[in-house]
Amino acid sequence: MARVPAAAVLALVVAAACSEPAIEPLQLERGMLTVNNQTAEPWISVEIWINQAFRVTAATIAARGRFQVPVDSFVAGYGQRFDFGRMQIKDVRLTAVTPDGQPVEHIMAFRQGGLEGAFGGKQ
């Protein structure tokens, strides 16, 4: 009798270990922003914002598709380009709609570094 629950637990552990980790919808690495649409629907009228001032648009991102853009391609309202070598990224957000009009919004979660990250931020 004890072997059946142990086998079930072992099968569950193996299945969890073999599963792929969830892919973040917004990934930033070495000056390149990658948007991953892991849904079954395309995203339409996509706007991606850095620091709520610099923007890039895409007409659509296909279902289960990926969109990559260098952060130096982001432009502010008066034509200033984002300078990855001189500016700090504090906020990245994406807005879009699905074909049936449902809004899509993703905000990138940043990890805090230094003492602020170690001790839970400001109290």
Protein backbone atom coordinates (compact mmCIF):
# COMPACT_ATOMS: atom_id res chain seq x y z
CA MET A 1 0.00 0.00 0.00
CA ALA A 2 2.81 2.44 0.79
CA ARG A 3 4.30 1.99 -2.68
CA VAL A 4 1.33 3.49 -4.52
CA PRO A 5 1.49 6.91 -2.82
CA ALA A 6 5.29 6.94 -3.10
CA ALA A 7 5.07 6.18 -6.83
CA ALA A 8 2.47 8.92 -7.28
CA VAL A 9 4.66 11.43 -5.45
CA LEU A 10 7.67 10.40 -7.54
CA ALA A 11 5.68 10.80 -10.78
CA LEU A 12 4.51 14.25 -9.67
CA VAL A 13 8.06 15.36 -8.81
CA VAL A 14 9.40 14.12 -12.16
CA ALA A 15 6.60 15.85 -14.08
CA ALA A 16 7.24 19.13 -12.26
CA ALA A 17 10.97 18.91 -12.89
CA CYS A 18 10.47 18.27 -16.61
CA SER A 19 8.02 21.10 -17.18
CA GLU A 20 9.28 24.32 -18.74
CA PRO A 21 9.36 27.46 -16.61
CA ALA A 22 6.92 30.20 -17.53
CA ILE A 23 8.34 32.72 -19.99
CA GLU A 24 8.04 36.34 -18.91
CA PRO A 25 6.13 38.47 -21.45
CA LEU A 26 8.73 41.27 -21.20
CA GLN A 27 12.44 40.46 -21.06
CA LEU A 28 15.28 42.97 -21.12
CA GLU A 29 18.82 41.82 -21.83
CA ARG A 30 21.86 43.78 -23.04
CA GLY A 31 19.94 46.60 -24.64
CA MET A 32 17.39 44.36 -26.36
CA LEU A 33 13.75 44.13 -25.29
CA THR A 34 11.96 40.88 -26.14
CA VAL A 35 8.17 40.61 -26.00
CA ASN A 36 6.77 37.07 -25.78
CA ASN A 37 3.10 36.52 -26.61
CA GLN A 38 2.39 33.11 -25.09
CA THR A 39 -1.38 33.41 -25.57
CA ALA A 40 -3.53 31.79 -28.27
CA GLU A 41 -4.57 35.20 -29.66
CA PRO A 42 -2.56 37.86 -31.49
CA TRP A 43 -2.00 41.24 -29.89
CA ILE A 44 -3.02 44.22 -32.02
CA SER A 45 -2.04 47.92 -31.79
CA VAL A 46 0.89 47.15 -29.51
CA GLU A 47 2.55 50.04 -27.66
CA ILE A 48 5.64 49.49 -25.53
CA TRP A 49 6.80 52.27 -23.21
CA ILE A 50 10.09 52.79 -21.37
CA ASN A 51 10.00 55.14 -18.35
CA GLN A 52 6.55 56.37 -19.49
CA ALA A 53 8.25 58.69 -22.00
CA PHE A 54 9.87 56.61 -24.76
CA ARG A 55 7.65 54.53 -27.06
CA VAL A 56 7.79 51.90 -29.79
CA THR A 57 4.74 50.52 -31.60
CA ALA A 58 4.02 47.32 -33.48
CA ALA A 59 0.93 46.68 -35.57
CA THR A 60 0.61 43.12 -34.27
CA ILE A 61 2.42 40.38 -32.37
CA ALA A 62 1.28 36.95 -33.50
CA ALA A 63 -0.12 34.34 -31.14
CA ARG A 64 2.76 32.39 -29.58
CA GLY A 65 5.03 34.90 -31.32
CA ARG A 66 7.95 37.04 -30.30
CA PHE A 67 8.91 40.65 -31.03
CA GLN A 68 12.40 42.02 -30.42
CA VAL A 69 13.48 45.66 -30.48
CA PRO A 70 16.69 47.43 -29.40
CA VAL A 71 15.95 49.89 -26.60
CA ASP A 72 17.84 52.58 -28.54
CA SER A 73 14.89 52.49 -31.01
CA PHE A 74 12.46 53.95 -28.45
CA VAL A 75 11.54 57.58 -29.18
CA ALA A 76 10.03 60.33 -27.00
CA GLY A 77 7.41 62.83 -28.16
CA TYR A 78 9.87 65.38 -29.54
CA GLY A 79 12.05 62.84 -31.32
CA GLN A 80 14.64 62.15 -28.61
CA ARG A 81 15.91 58.59 -28.72
CA PHE A 82 16.46 56.50 -25.62
CA ASP A 83 20.21 56.21 -24.97
CA PHE A 84 20.85 52.87 -23.29
CA GLY A 85 24.43 53.85 -22.47
CA ARG A 86 23.40 56.95 -20.52
CA MET A 87 19.84 56.38 -19.29
CA GLN A 88 18.46 54.05 -16.66
CA ILE A 89 15.36 51.94 -17.31
CA LYS A 90 12.96 52.06 -14.37
CA ASP A 91 9.66 51.13 -16.03
CA VAL A 92 8.67 49.00 -19.03
CA ARG A 93 5.03 48.45 -19.92
CA LEU A 94 3.08 47.05 -22.85
CA THR A 95 -0.49 47.78 -23.90
CA ALA A 96 -2.42 46.13 -26.74
CA VAL A 97 -5.82 44.65 -27.58
CA THR A 98 -6.92 41.19 -28.69
CA PRO A 99 -8.99 40.71 -31.87
CA ASP A 100 -12.20 40.71 -29.78
CA GLY A 101 -11.27 44.04 -28.15
CA GLN A 102 -10.03 42.79 -24.77
CA PRO A 103 -7.21 44.94 -23.37
CA VAL A 104 -3.76 43.47 -22.79
CA GLU A 105 -1.38 45.08 -20.31
CA HIS A 106 1.96 43.88 -18.99
CA ILE A 107 4.28 45.76 -16.65
CA MET A 108 7.80 44.48 -16.24
CA ALA A 109 8.76 43.60 -12.68
CA PHE A 110 12.25 44.76 -11.78
CA ARG A 111 14.37 43.14 -9.08
CA GLN A 112 15.72 45.55 -6.50
CA GLY A 113 19.44 45.46 -5.94
CA GLY A 114 21.75 46.44 -3.13
CA LEU A 115 20.55 47.00 0.40
CA GLU A 116 17.08 48.01 -0.74
CA GLY A 117 16.55 44.56 -2.27
CA ALA A 118 18.17 42.73 0.64
CA PHE A 119 16.08 44.40 3.34
CA GLY A 120 12.74 44.80 1.58
CA GLY A 121 12.87 48.43 0.43
CA LYS A 122 12.04 51.59 2.29
CA GLN A 123 10.00 51.24 5.46
